[in-house]
Protein backbone atom coordinates (compact mmCIF):
# COMPACT_ATOMS: atom_id res chain seq x y z
CA MET A 1 -70.58 109.76 -84.04
CA ARG A 2 -70.18 106.01 -84.29
CA VAL A 3 -72.60 103.23 -83.56
CA SER A 4 -72.60 99.51 -82.77
CA ALA A 5 -72.67 96.96 -85.57
CA ALA A 6 -74.92 93.96 -85.17
CA LEU A 7 -75.84 91.54 -87.86
CA LEU A 8 -78.72 89.55 -89.44
CA ALA A 9 -79.57 90.48 -93.02
CA LEU A 10 -83.35 90.17 -93.27
CA ALA A 11 -85.99 92.33 -94.93
CA LEU A 12 -87.99 94.52 -92.56
CA ALA A 13 -91.46 93.78 -93.88
CA GLY A 14 -93.82 92.16 -91.40
CA ALA A 15 -93.18 91.29 -87.77
CA SER A 16 -89.69 90.33 -86.63
CA PRO A 17 -88.14 89.89 -83.21
CA VAL A 18 -86.43 92.78 -81.47
CA ILE A 19 -85.67 93.15 -77.83
CA ALA A 20 -86.86 93.73 -74.29
CA SER A 21 -85.11 92.63 -71.10
CA ASN A 22 -86.27 89.40 -69.50
CA GLY A 23 -85.01 90.75 -66.21
CA ASN A 24 -83.37 87.73 -64.54
CA GLN A 25 -80.19 86.62 -66.35
CA ASN A 26 -77.52 89.19 -65.57
CA LEU A 27 -74.33 87.91 -67.20
CA ILE A 28 -72.00 90.31 -65.38
CA ALA A 29 -70.19 88.93 -62.36
CA ASN A 30 -70.08 91.33 -59.40
CA PRO A 31 -72.51 93.73 -61.15
CA SER A 32 -72.70 96.20 -58.26
CA VAL A 33 -68.91 95.99 -57.69
CA GLU A 34 -69.40 95.09 -54.01
CA SER A 35 -66.84 92.29 -53.93
CA PRO A 36 -63.17 93.36 -53.93
CA GLY A 37 -60.60 91.44 -55.94
CA THR A 38 -57.11 90.29 -55.06
CA ASP A 39 -55.98 93.88 -55.56
CA PRO A 40 -58.10 95.90 -53.09
CA GLY A 41 -58.17 98.77 -55.56
CA ILE A 42 -59.93 96.70 -58.23
CA PRO A 43 -63.28 94.90 -57.75
CA LEU A 44 -63.56 91.20 -58.46
CA SER A 45 -64.06 90.42 -62.18
CA TRP A 46 -63.34 94.02 -63.24
CA ASN A 47 -60.47 95.74 -65.07
CA LYS A 48 -59.27 99.29 -65.68
CA SER A 49 -57.84 100.67 -68.90
CA SER A 50 -56.57 103.84 -70.53
CA TRP A 51 -54.67 104.78 -73.66
CA GLY A 52 -53.38 107.88 -75.40
CA ASP A 53 -51.69 111.04 -74.12
CA ASN A 54 -53.49 111.85 -70.88
CA THR A 55 -53.22 111.69 -67.09
CA VAL A 56 -55.70 109.20 -65.59
CA SER A 57 -56.65 107.87 -62.19
CA HIS A 58 -59.00 104.94 -61.49
CA SER A 59 -60.60 104.53 -58.08
CA TYR A 60 -62.71 101.79 -56.51
CA ARG A 61 -64.76 104.08 -54.34
CA LYS A 62 -66.56 103.27 -51.11
CA GLY A 63 -69.55 105.50 -50.49
CA GLY A 64 -71.67 107.59 -52.83
CA ALA A 65 -72.74 104.52 -54.79
CA GLN A 66 -75.97 104.22 -56.74
CA GLU A 67 -76.57 100.79 -55.21
CA GLY A 68 -74.74 99.11 -52.35
CA GLY A 69 -71.59 100.60 -50.89
CA HIS A 70 -69.14 100.77 -53.81
CA SER A 71 -68.85 102.31 -57.28
CA LEU A 72 -66.22 102.89 -59.96
CA VAL A 73 -64.66 106.27 -60.77
CA VAL A 74 -62.30 107.25 -63.57
CA THR A 75 -60.81 110.75 -63.69
CA ILE A 76 -58.75 112.54 -66.34
CA THR A 77 -56.81 115.60 -65.14
CA ARG A 78 -54.82 116.23 -68.35
CA TYR A 79 -55.97 115.27 -71.83
CA LYS A 80 -54.63 115.35 -75.39
CA SER A 81 -55.82 112.05 -76.84
CA GLY A 82 -57.18 108.58 -76.02
CA ASP A 83 -59.69 107.61 -73.33
CA ALA A 84 -60.07 105.90 -69.94
CA LYS A 85 -62.60 103.41 -68.53
CA TRP A 86 -63.46 100.52 -66.24
CA TYR A 87 -64.85 97.32 -67.79
CA PHE A 88 -66.11 93.94 -66.60
CA GLU A 89 -64.42 90.66 -67.53
CA PRO A 90 -65.63 89.57 -71.00
CA VAL A 91 -68.55 87.15 -70.84
CA ASN A 92 -69.69 84.42 -73.21
CA VAL A 93 -72.63 85.28 -75.47
CA GLU A 94 -74.58 83.64 -78.24
CA PRO A 95 -73.92 84.94 -81.76
CA ASN A 96 -76.64 86.82 -83.59
CA GLN A 97 -78.75 87.16 -80.44
CA HIS A 98 -80.45 90.12 -78.75
CA TYR A 99 -79.16 91.59 -75.50
CA VAL A 100 -79.88 94.59 -73.31
CA TYR A 101 -77.22 96.48 -71.33
CA SER A 102 -77.81 99.09 -68.66
CA GLU A 103 -75.88 100.90 -65.94
CA TYR A 104 -76.11 104.00 -63.76
CA TYR A 105 -73.61 106.81 -64.13
CA ARG A 106 -72.87 110.40 -63.27
CA GLY A 107 -70.11 112.66 -64.55
CA ASP A 108 -69.12 116.21 -65.41
CA VAL A 109 -68.21 115.54 -69.07
CA PRO A 110 -69.97 113.69 -71.90
CA SER A 111 -68.93 110.06 -72.27
CA GLU A 112 -69.39 107.22 -74.74
CA ILE A 113 -70.32 103.54 -74.44
CA TYR A 114 -68.75 100.87 -76.67
CA LEU A 115 -69.25 97.17 -77.11
CA GLN A 116 -66.06 95.12 -77.43
CA VAL A 117 -66.66 91.88 -79.31
CA GLN A 118 -64.32 88.90 -79.53
CA ASP A 119 -65.22 86.56 -82.36
CA THR A 120 -64.60 82.83 -82.70
CA ALA A 121 -61.21 83.52 -84.32
CA GLY A 122 -60.13 85.71 -81.41
CA LYS A 123 -60.40 89.00 -83.33
CA LEU A 124 -61.51 92.05 -81.32
CA THR A 125 -63.82 94.72 -82.74
CA HIS A 126 -65.29 97.77 -81.03
CA GLN A 127 -68.80 98.94 -81.78
CA PHE A 128 -70.33 102.19 -80.57
CA LEU A 129 -73.53 101.84 -78.55
CA GLY A 130 -74.23 105.46 -77.74
CA ALA A 131 -73.30 108.70 -76.01
CA ALA A 132 -74.07 109.67 -72.42
CA PRO A 133 -74.45 113.40 -71.66
CA LYS A 134 -72.87 114.79 -68.52
CA SER A 135 -75.10 114.45 -65.43
CA LYS A 136 -74.79 115.66 -61.84
CA HIS A 137 -77.20 112.99 -60.65
CA TRP A 138 -77.28 109.21 -61.05
CA THR A 139 -78.77 108.51 -64.47
CA GLU A 140 -79.63 105.19 -66.09
CA THR A 141 -78.38 104.54 -69.59
CA LEU A 142 -79.77 101.55 -71.48
CA PHE A 143 -78.88 100.02 -74.84
CA HIS A 144 -80.24 97.19 -76.96
CA PHE A 145 -78.00 95.41 -79.43
CA THR A 146 -77.64 92.20 -81.43
CA THR A 147 -74.37 90.30 -81.29
CA PRO A 148 -72.51 89.77 -84.58
CA VAL A 149 -72.83 86.40 -86.31
CA ALA A 150 -69.38 85.24 -85.16
CA ALA A 151 -69.47 86.74 -81.64
CA LYS A 152 -68.10 84.65 -78.78
CA ARG A 153 -67.38 87.03 -75.87
CA ILE A 154 -68.22 90.65 -75.13
CA THR A 155 -67.62 93.40 -72.62
CA VAL A 156 -68.69 97.05 -72.49
CA PHE A 157 -66.47 100.14 -72.27
CA HIS A 158 -67.97 103.31 -70.79
CA ALA A 159 -65.17 105.78 -71.55
CA ILE A 160 -64.35 109.43 -71.02
CA ALA A 161 -62.11 111.34 -73.41
CA ALA A 162 -61.79 114.77 -71.79
CA VAL A 163 -60.70 116.37 -68.52
CA GLY A 164 -63.34 115.36 -65.98
CA TYR A 165 -64.72 112.36 -64.12
CA LEU A 166 -67.12 109.47 -64.68
CA GLN A 167 -68.68 107.40 -61.87
CA THR A 168 -70.55 104.17 -62.65
CA ASP A 169 -72.45 101.46 -60.77
CA ASN A 170 -75.19 98.82 -60.95
CA PHE A 171 -74.44 97.10 -64.27
CA ILE A 172 -76.80 94.70 -66.07
CA LEU A 173 -76.23 92.63 -69.22
CA GLU A 174 -79.08 90.26 -70.08
CA PRO A 175 -80.45 88.25 -72.96
CA ALA A 176 -83.52 89.93 -74.41
CA GLU A 177 -87.02 88.85 -75.19
CA ALA A 178 -88.95 89.76 -78.32
CA LEU A 179 -90.98 92.77 -79.35
CA GLU A 180 -92.81 92.91 -82.64
CA LEU A 181 -91.93 95.30 -85.41
CA THR A 182 -94.57 97.53 -86.95
CA ASP A 183 -93.64 98.92 -90.36
CA GLY A 184 -90.05 97.84 -89.75
CA VAL A 185 -89.65 99.71 -86.45
CA PRO A 186 -89.77 98.34 -82.90
CA ASN A 187 -92.53 99.99 -80.89
CA ALA A 188 -93.20 102.25 -83.88
CA SER A 189 -95.93 104.25 -82.16
CA LEU A 190 -93.94 104.38 -78.90
CA GLU A 191 -96.82 103.03 -76.81
CA GLN A 192 -94.86 100.37 -74.92
CA ALA A 193 -92.57 101.48 -72.09
CA HIS A 194 -89.45 99.48 -71.30
CA GLU A 195 -90.07 97.47 -68.16
CA GLY A 196 -89.15 99.41 -65.04
CA THR A 197 -88.28 102.63 -66.87
CA ASN A 198 -89.94 105.74 -68.22
CA ALA A 199 -88.61 105.15 -71.74
CA PRO A 200 -90.05 103.48 -74.85
CA ALA A 201 -89.02 99.87 -75.42
CA GLY A 202 -86.72 99.40 -78.38
CA TRP A 203 -85.57 103.04 -78.38
CA GLN A 204 -82.46 104.94 -77.34
CA THR A 205 -81.36 108.55 -76.89
CA GLY A 206 -78.20 110.01 -78.37
CA ASN A 207 -76.47 113.27 -77.55
CA TRP A 208 -73.02 114.55 -78.44
CA GLY A 209 -71.24 117.89 -78.62
CA LYS A 210 -71.57 120.99 -76.48
CA ASN A 211 -75.27 121.58 -75.86
CA ALA A 212 -77.94 121.30 -73.18
CA ALA A 213 -80.26 118.48 -74.22
CA LYS A 214 -83.39 117.08 -72.59
CA PHE A 215 -85.26 113.91 -73.56
CA THR A 216 -88.91 113.33 -72.64
CA TYR A 217 -91.21 110.35 -73.09
CA LEU A 218 -94.46 112.24 -73.52
CA LYS A 219 -97.89 111.04 -72.43
CA THR A 220 -99.54 112.31 -75.58
CA GLY A 221 -99.01 111.53 -79.23
CA ARG A 222 -100.30 111.81 -82.78
CA THR A 223 -101.88 108.39 -82.37
CA GLY A 224 -102.19 106.52 -79.11
CA ARG A 225 -100.96 108.07 -75.88
CA ARG A 226 -97.19 108.37 -76.26
CA SER A 227 -94.52 110.18 -78.32
CA VAL A 228 -90.92 111.30 -77.77
CA LYS A 229 -89.46 114.77 -77.46
CA ALA A 230 -85.86 115.94 -77.84
CA GLN A 231 -85.08 119.52 -76.89
CA ILE A 232 -81.94 121.66 -76.82
CA THR A 233 -81.99 124.82 -74.70
CA ALA A 234 -78.37 125.93 -75.22
CA TYR A 235 -76.27 125.04 -78.26
CA THR A 236 -72.70 125.30 -79.49
CA ASP A 237 -72.38 122.11 -81.54
CA GLY A 238 -73.50 118.45 -81.71
CA ASP A 239 -77.06 117.15 -81.68
CA ALA A 240 -79.72 115.28 -79.71
CA LYS A 241 -82.13 112.58 -80.86
CA TRP A 242 -84.27 109.58 -80.07
CA TYR A 243 -83.71 106.63 -82.38
CA PHE A 244 -84.97 103.08 -82.71
CA ASP A 245 -82.64 100.12 -82.21
CA PRO A 246 -80.78 99.36 -85.46
CA GLN A 247 -82.73 96.89 -87.55
CA PRO A 248 -81.66 94.20 -90.05
CA VAL A 249 -81.70 95.40 -93.65
CA THR A 250 -80.81 94.00 -97.05
CA GLY A 251 -77.81 95.81 -98.47
CA GLY A 252 -78.06 97.28 -101.95
CA GLN A 253 -81.81 97.91 -101.70
CA HIS A 254 -83.88 101.05 -101.28
CA TYR A 255 -85.76 101.79 -98.06
CA ARG A 256 -88.28 104.44 -97.13
CA PHE A 257 -88.19 106.14 -93.76
CA SER A 258 -91.06 108.20 -92.43
CA ASP A 259 -92.31 109.65 -89.18
CA TRP A 260 -94.80 112.23 -87.99
CA TYR A 261 -93.31 115.20 -86.21
CA ARG A 262 -93.75 118.68 -84.77
CA SER A 263 -90.86 121.13 -84.36
CA ASP A 264 -90.06 124.82 -84.01
CA MET A 265 -86.98 124.82 -86.27
CA VAL A 266 -85.43 122.94 -89.18
CA THR A 267 -84.44 119.45 -88.03
CA GLN A 268 -81.88 117.19 -89.65
CA VAL A 269 -82.26 113.54 -90.66
CA ALA A 270 -79.52 110.95 -91.19
CA ALA A 271 -79.37 107.19 -91.70
CA MET A 272 -76.98 105.21 -89.51
CA ILE A 273 -75.55 102.44 -91.68
CA ILE A 274 -73.83 99.48 -89.96
CA LEU A 275 -71.65 97.41 -92.27
CA ALA A 276 -70.77 93.73 -92.11
CA ASP A 277 -67.22 94.51 -90.96
CA GLY A 278 -68.51 96.36 -87.89
CA THR A 279 -67.89 99.88 -89.16
CA THR A 280 -70.54 102.56 -89.27
CA GLN A 281 -71.38 105.16 -91.90
CA TYR A 282 -73.88 108.01 -91.93
CA LEU A 283 -75.99 109.10 -94.89
CA GLY A 284 -77.36 112.63 -94.80
CA LEU A 285 -81.04 112.73 -95.76
CA PRO A 286 -83.20 115.76 -96.61
CA PRO A 287 -83.98 118.00 -93.62
CA ALA A 288 -87.47 118.47 -92.18
CA GLU A 289 -88.96 121.94 -92.04
CA PRO A 290 -90.58 123.44 -88.93
CA SER A 291 -94.20 122.59 -88.30
CA ARG A 292 -96.43 123.57 -85.37
CA HIS A 293 -98.86 120.79 -86.28
CA TRP A 294 -98.25 117.10 -86.96
CA ARG A 295 -96.55 116.74 -90.33
CA ARG A 296 -95.31 113.63 -92.14
CA TYR A 297 -91.66 113.37 -93.09
CA SER A 298 -90.85 110.79 -95.76
CA THR A 299 -87.75 110.01 -97.78
CA LYS A 300 -86.32 107.12 -99.74
CA PHE A 301 -82.65 106.17 -99.88
CA LEU A 302 -80.35 103.41 -101.07
CA VAL A 303 -78.79 101.23 -98.39
CA PRO A 304 -75.15 100.47 -99.35
CA PRO A 305 -74.51 96.90 -100.50
CA SER A 306 -72.57 95.67 -97.45
CA THR A 307 -75.03 97.04 -94.90
CA VAL A 308 -76.48 94.59 -92.38
CA ARG A 309 -78.32 96.88 -89.95
CA ALA A 310 -79.58 100.45 -89.96
CA SER A 311 -81.48 103.06 -88.01
CA VAL A 312 -82.52 106.61 -88.82
CA PHE A 313 -81.85 109.69 -86.70
CA HIS A 314 -84.30 112.60 -86.69
CA VAL A 315 -82.06 115.17 -85.06
CA VAL A 316 -82.25 118.43 -83.12
CA ALA A 317 -79.07 120.36 -83.95
CA SER A 318 -79.87 123.86 -82.70
CA VAL A 319 -81.90 125.48 -79.93
CA GLY A 320 -85.43 124.14 -80.26
CA TYR A 321 -87.53 121.00 -79.93
CA LEU A 322 -88.70 118.01 -81.93
CA ILE A 323 -91.67 115.78 -81.05
CA ALA A 324 -92.06 112.60 -83.10
CA ASP A 325 -94.39 109.59 -83.37
CA ASP A 326 -95.56 106.83 -85.73
CA TYR A 327 -92.34 105.72 -87.40
CA SER A 328 -91.85 103.52 -90.46
CA PHE A 329 -88.74 102.03 -92.08
CA VAL A 330 -89.56 99.57 -94.85
CA PRO A 331 -88.16 98.29 -98.15
CA SER A 332 -89.23 100.45 -101.08
CA PRO A 333 -88.75 98.81 -104.49
CA THR A 334 -87.68 101.20 -107.22
CA VAL A 335 -89.91 101.89 -110.22
CA GLY A 336 -87.61 102.75 -113.08
CA PHE A 337 -88.04 104.75 -116.27
CA ASN A 338 -88.00 103.33 -119.79
CA ARG A 339 -84.22 103.28 -119.66
CA ALA A 340 -81.32 104.35 -117.45
CA LEU A 341 -79.79 107.80 -117.96
CA VAL A 342 -76.66 109.59 -116.73
CA SER A 343 -76.19 113.36 -116.59
CA LEU A 344 -72.83 115.02 -116.01
CA THR A 345 -73.21 118.33 -114.19
CA PHE A 346 -70.46 120.82 -113.38
CA ASP A 347 -71.03 123.48 -110.72
CA ASP A 348 -69.85 127.09 -110.58
CA GLY A 349 -68.40 127.56 -114.08
CA TRP A 350 -64.73 126.85 -113.48
CA LYS A 351 -62.32 127.71 -116.31
CA SER A 352 -60.82 124.26 -115.93
CA VAL A 353 -63.98 122.70 -117.36
CA ARG A 354 -63.40 124.56 -120.63
CA GLU A 355 -59.65 123.94 -120.63
CA GLN A 356 -59.36 120.43 -119.14
CA ALA A 357 -62.72 118.64 -119.34
CA LEU A 358 -64.08 119.68 -122.71
CA THR A 359 -61.68 117.68 -124.87
CA ILE A 360 -62.32 114.57 -122.76
CA LEU A 361 -66.09 115.02 -123.03
CA GLU A 362 -65.82 115.49 -126.79
CA ARG A 363 -63.76 112.31 -127.11
CA PHE A 364 -66.64 110.38 -125.54
CA ASP A 365 -69.32 112.39 -127.38
CA ALA A 366 -70.68 113.41 -123.98
CA ARG A 367 -72.66 116.59 -123.28
CA SER A 368 -72.83 118.19 -119.85
CA THR A 369 -74.99 120.64 -117.93
CA GLU A 370 -73.04 123.62 -116.58
CA TYR A 371 -74.57 125.35 -113.54
CA ILE A 372 -73.05 128.83 -113.60
CA LEU A 373 -72.19 131.21 -110.77
CA THR A 374 -72.91 134.41 -112.68
CA SER A 375 -70.99 136.93 -110.52
CA ALA A 376 -67.76 135.12 -111.43
CA VAL A 377 -68.31 135.05 -115.21
CA GLY A 378 -65.61 137.19 -116.81
CA THR A 379 -64.56 138.73 -113.47
CA ASP A 380 -62.35 136.00 -112.04
CA PRO A 381 -59.65 134.33 -114.14
CA GLU A 382 -60.39 130.96 -112.55
CA TYR A 383 -63.92 131.03 -113.97
CA MET A 384 -65.22 130.93 -117.52
CA THR A 385 -65.97 134.00 -119.58
CA VAL A 386 -69.09 134.56 -121.67
CA ALA A 387 -67.05 133.44 -124.71
CA ASP A 388 -66.16 130.19 -122.93
CA LEU A 389 -69.82 129.54 -122.17
CA ARG A 390 -70.79 130.20 -125.79
CA HIS A 391 -68.14 127.74 -126.92
CA LEU A 392 -69.68 125.09 -124.65
CA VAL A 393 -73.19 125.81 -125.93
CA ASP A 394 -72.00 125.58 -129.53
CA ALA A 395 -70.58 122.15 -128.64
CA GLY A 396 -73.98 120.98 -127.39
CA HIS A 397 -73.65 121.57 -123.65
CA GLN A 398 -76.43 123.06 -121.52
CA ILE A 399 -76.21 126.19 -119.37
CA GLY A 400 -78.12 126.32 -116.09
CA SER A 401 -78.08 128.72 -113.15
CA HIS A 402 -76.26 128.35 -109.83
CA SER A 403 -77.13 131.79 -108.35
CA VAL A 404 -75.33 135.13 -108.46
CA SER A 405 -73.05 134.89 -105.41
CA HIS A 406 -73.32 131.25 -104.22
CA ALA A 407 -75.04 132.30 -101.00
CA ASP A 408 -76.96 129.77 -98.91
CA LEU A 409 -80.48 130.83 -99.83
CA THR A 410 -81.94 129.43 -96.63
CA THR A 411 -80.05 132.12 -94.67
CA LEU A 412 -81.30 135.06 -96.77
CA ARG A 413 -84.37 137.27 -96.57
CA PRO A 414 -87.03 136.66 -99.26
CA ARG A 415 -86.04 139.70 -101.33
CA ALA A 416 -82.39 138.61 -101.41
CA VAL A 417 -83.42 135.06 -102.34
CA ASN A 418 -85.41 136.40 -105.25
CA ARG A 419 -82.45 138.48 -106.46
CA GLU A 420 -80.12 135.45 -106.40
CA VAL A 421 -82.62 133.32 -108.28
CA LYS A 422 -83.91 135.87 -110.77
CA ASP A 423 -80.80 137.94 -111.49
CA SER A 424 -78.63 134.94 -112.28
CA ARG A 425 -81.13 133.82 -114.90
CA GLU A 426 -81.41 137.34 -116.33
CA PHE A 427 -77.63 137.62 -116.67
CA LEU A 428 -77.49 134.40 -118.66
CA ARG A 429 -80.44 135.35 -120.82
CA LYS A 430 -79.03 138.82 -121.61
CA ASN A 431 -75.83 137.14 -122.79
CA GLY A 432 -77.72 134.95 -125.20
CA PHE A 433 -78.10 131.72 -123.23
CA MET A 434 -81.77 130.91 -123.68
CA PRO A 435 -83.73 129.20 -122.40
CA VAL A 436 -82.31 128.91 -118.86
CA LEU A 437 -84.59 126.25 -117.43
CA ASP A 438 -82.72 124.47 -114.67
CA TRP A 439 -81.28 125.54 -111.31
CA ALA A 440 -78.75 124.00 -108.92
CA SER A 441 -79.10 125.23 -105.35
CA PRO A 442 -75.87 126.55 -103.74
CA TYR A 443 -74.63 124.01 -101.18
CA GLY A 444 -77.69 121.94 -102.07
CA THR A 445 -79.73 123.71 -99.39
CA SER A 446 -83.35 124.65 -99.84
CA ASN A 447 -86.60 124.99 -97.94
CA THR A 448 -90.23 125.71 -98.78
CA SER A 449 -89.74 129.43 -99.28
CA THR A 450 -86.54 129.20 -101.36
CA THR A 451 -88.04 126.46 -103.51
CA ALA A 452 -91.11 128.63 -104.07
CA ALA A 453 -88.81 131.34 -105.43
CA VAL A 454 -87.04 128.85 -107.69
CA LYS A 455 -90.36 127.61 -109.06
CA LYS A 456 -91.17 131.10 -110.37
CA TYR A 457 -88.21 131.04 -112.74
CA TYR A 458 -87.05 127.45 -113.31
CA ARG A 459 -88.39 124.08 -114.31
CA SER A 460 -86.14 122.08 -111.95
CA GLN A 461 -83.93 122.34 -108.87
CA ARG A 462 -80.93 120.09 -108.36
CA SER A 463 -79.78 119.33 -104.83
CA VAL A 464 -76.65 117.60 -103.56
CA GLN A 465 -78.74 114.98 -101.77
CA ALA A 466 -77.34 111.54 -102.54
CA GLY A 467 -79.63 109.19 -104.44
CA PHE A 468 -81.12 108.18 -107.77
CA ASN A 469 -84.12 109.69 -109.52
CA SER A 470 -86.91 107.18 -110.20
CA LYS A 471 -90.62 107.16 -111.06
CA ASP A 472 -91.76 106.24 -107.59
CA ASP A 473 -89.73 108.93 -105.79
CA PHE A 474 -89.39 111.79 -108.25
CA ASP A 475 -89.33 115.44 -107.25
CA VAL A 476 -88.34 117.83 -110.01
CA TYR A 477 -87.47 120.46 -107.38
CA ALA A 478 -85.29 118.09 -105.35
CA LEU A 479 -83.32 116.15 -107.95
CA LYS A 480 -80.98 113.65 -106.30
CA VAL A 481 -77.33 113.22 -107.24
CA GLN A 482 -74.09 111.45 -106.52
CA ASN A 483 -71.35 113.89 -105.56
CA VAL A 484 -67.94 113.30 -107.14
CA LEU A 485 -64.97 114.38 -105.01
CA LEU A 486 -61.23 114.01 -105.42
CA SER A 487 -61.46 111.02 -103.07
CA THR A 488 -64.23 109.32 -105.06
CA THR A 489 -62.98 106.02 -106.45
CA ALA A 490 -63.67 104.55 -109.86
CA ALA A 491 -65.29 101.61 -108.06
CA GLU A 492 -67.79 103.96 -106.43
CA VAL A 493 -68.68 105.51 -109.77
CA GLN A 494 -69.00 102.07 -111.32
CA GLY A 495 -71.34 101.04 -108.51
CA TRP A 496 -73.55 104.08 -109.11
CA VAL A 497 -73.69 103.49 -112.86
CA GLU A 498 -74.43 99.80 -112.47
CA GLN A 499 -77.17 100.58 -109.91
CA ALA A 500 -78.78 103.04 -112.33
CA ALA A 501 -78.53 100.52 -115.16
CA ARG A 502 -80.18 97.77 -113.08
CA ASP A 503 -83.01 99.96 -111.81
CA LYS A 504 -83.44 102.11 -114.95
CA THR A 505 -83.05 105.28 -112.91
CA TRP A 506 -81.61 108.69 -113.76
CA LEU A 507 -78.16 109.19 -112.27
CA ILE A 508 -76.88 112.77 -111.94
CA LEU A 509 -73.17 113.17 -111.24
CA VAL A 510 -71.96 116.44 -109.68
CA TYR A 511 -68.46 117.72 -110.53
CA HIS A 512 -66.74 121.03 -109.83
CA GLU A 513 -63.17 121.82 -110.94
CA VAL A 514 -61.23 119.57 -113.30
CA GLY A 515 -57.47 119.70 -112.89
CA THR A 516 -54.45 118.41 -111.04
CA ASN A 517 -54.82 120.44 -107.83
CA SER A 518 -55.60 118.70 -104.54
CA HIS A 519 -58.83 120.50 -103.69
CA GLU A 520 -61.51 118.23 -102.25
CA TYR A 521 -64.04 119.34 -104.86
CA SER A 522 -61.78 118.80 -107.83
CA THR A 523 -61.49 115.88 -110.23
CA THR A 524 -58.39 115.04 -112.23
CA PRO A 525 -58.62 114.65 -116.01
CA ALA A 526 -57.62 111.00 -115.59
CA GLN A 527 -60.44 110.44 -113.11
CA LEU A 528 -63.01 112.06 -115.41
CA GLU A 529 -61.81 109.94 -118.32
CA SER A 530 -62.10 106.77 -116.23
CA HIS A 531 -65.66 107.71 -115.24
CA LEU A 532 -66.64 108.18 -118.87
CA GLU A 533 -65.08 104.84 -119.75
CA ILE A 534 -67.22 103.20 -117.04
CA ILE A 535 -70.40 104.81 -118.34
CA LYS A 536 -69.57 103.89 -121.93
CA LYS A 537 -68.87 100.28 -120.99
CA ALA A 538 -72.18 100.07 -119.10
CA GLY A 539 -74.04 101.30 -122.18
CA VAL A 540 -75.96 103.99 -120.30
CA PRO A 541 -76.62 107.10 -122.44
CA ILE A 542 -75.18 110.43 -121.26
CA VAL A 543 -77.68 113.27 -121.59
CA THR A 544 -78.00 116.83 -120.32
CA VAL A 545 -80.42 117.64 -117.52
CA ASP A 546 -82.66 119.31 -120.09
CA GLN A 547 -82.69 116.21 -122.29
CA ALA A 548 -83.31 113.92 -119.31
CA LEU A 549 -86.26 115.96 -118.06
CA ASN A 550 -87.78 116.06 -121.51
CA GLU A 551 -87.60 112.26 -121.55
CA VAL A 552 -88.68 111.35 -118.00
CA LEU A 553 -91.36 113.94 -117.20
CA PRO A 554 -93.86 112.47 -119.72
CA GLN A 555 -93.37 109.06 -118.05
CA LEU A 556 -94.53 110.22 -114.62
């Protein structure tokens, strides 16, 4: 997935302008493609394009149009890479202004819509607006966006990238009028329909992958009379969601997203982060558990420093439904502890931690927390033995539990969950590692029932959810972390440490293997040493998870 970048770095508190069509300033010449150009196979003011390894045909078709007598068709009969599309001649726009784009389409494969922006220096950038699911019937697709601060001219690409066809007609690109934000979200309670459509103003649908998705603008809601529903009836991959138009944010600050929802399965949540250079990133947020009745979802996350706009996706990614209403997306200042803390955690119990990491940690007088996969202890030469673990404990390091077999607990029956949680602790206790207070969930996954099992035996549960632990957003059974991979740069680690130092939060770093292999979840000795140098230079104390909890829990 990719999404359009549009700029304007403002805080979201209070009312701010967003967009609704004003209905009478279509900027596209020949919008219903009725007028032919000099080449009879290309309409006036339109162009065709394709790239990559594929076989493409473009046709300016008479008959079967959504409006008037003509439409545009692009067909791919052989595909390996690239895409194909029609597009209108670029038009002049105002920078940093709101626009609305719509068209009608039908096709037998999913397609994607992109904004091409030419800035005042002549540079071209391409920004994703959204995905269009395949449709046998003429279907309207509509997108709101804000032009970048240096935008001069734009056009829109509706492209296919698979064997199939796409037919389009009746294009509209207009300046937009204002809607008010409520709690940082346009049309937050979904009460206002977009003029002339059965869809909420300021909202879009997104669907990608191989699935059968349906979107409904319901005439009932938690409050008021409207809500939105996304449903998947057949699923192989991808997802489906409603989402509000990306909103201006202040990079480097924390925001809280919430909504009220009902669903019949676990639903996923992700933040769409649009950077100043036009690129898009996605931040995974904690999932939402099923609920037959209205239930509030709420989470806080750090917006990366160079972010200019953001939205949040509450996603259906399996067979089932999600109904949602009453959204909020607002700045959420961090309340720090008495001081910043850093904890170094190592998952699984790799032998390389004993052989490669320990001497580096000792050189910096740093103590770690080792979350141990107990079935591997002494049975696999790549993992530590009981003697290795005792050596670490004697050196001041903490031993925690990481399950028996590293199974995803959310996929197991309750009895099996209990065995993973209890038996791993008992193994460690029988071998003299007491107390065993802290747990790291395999893959970082958990739900209400697995967390209930963890609570019977452990004081804390560490996730792999990215974030910082602070007073105002602290959950001892969902401790947030920053995950360190082979690709993690020293600059990223420095940014995390400096953020923790500024906000006086508790930063937990998650490592796995330490060595010179090229595995994604490994860290080289040189990388680890550079991270410790960064922490030392920042003056943030390194403590075990046990020490950190003993310090921060009394402050809550």
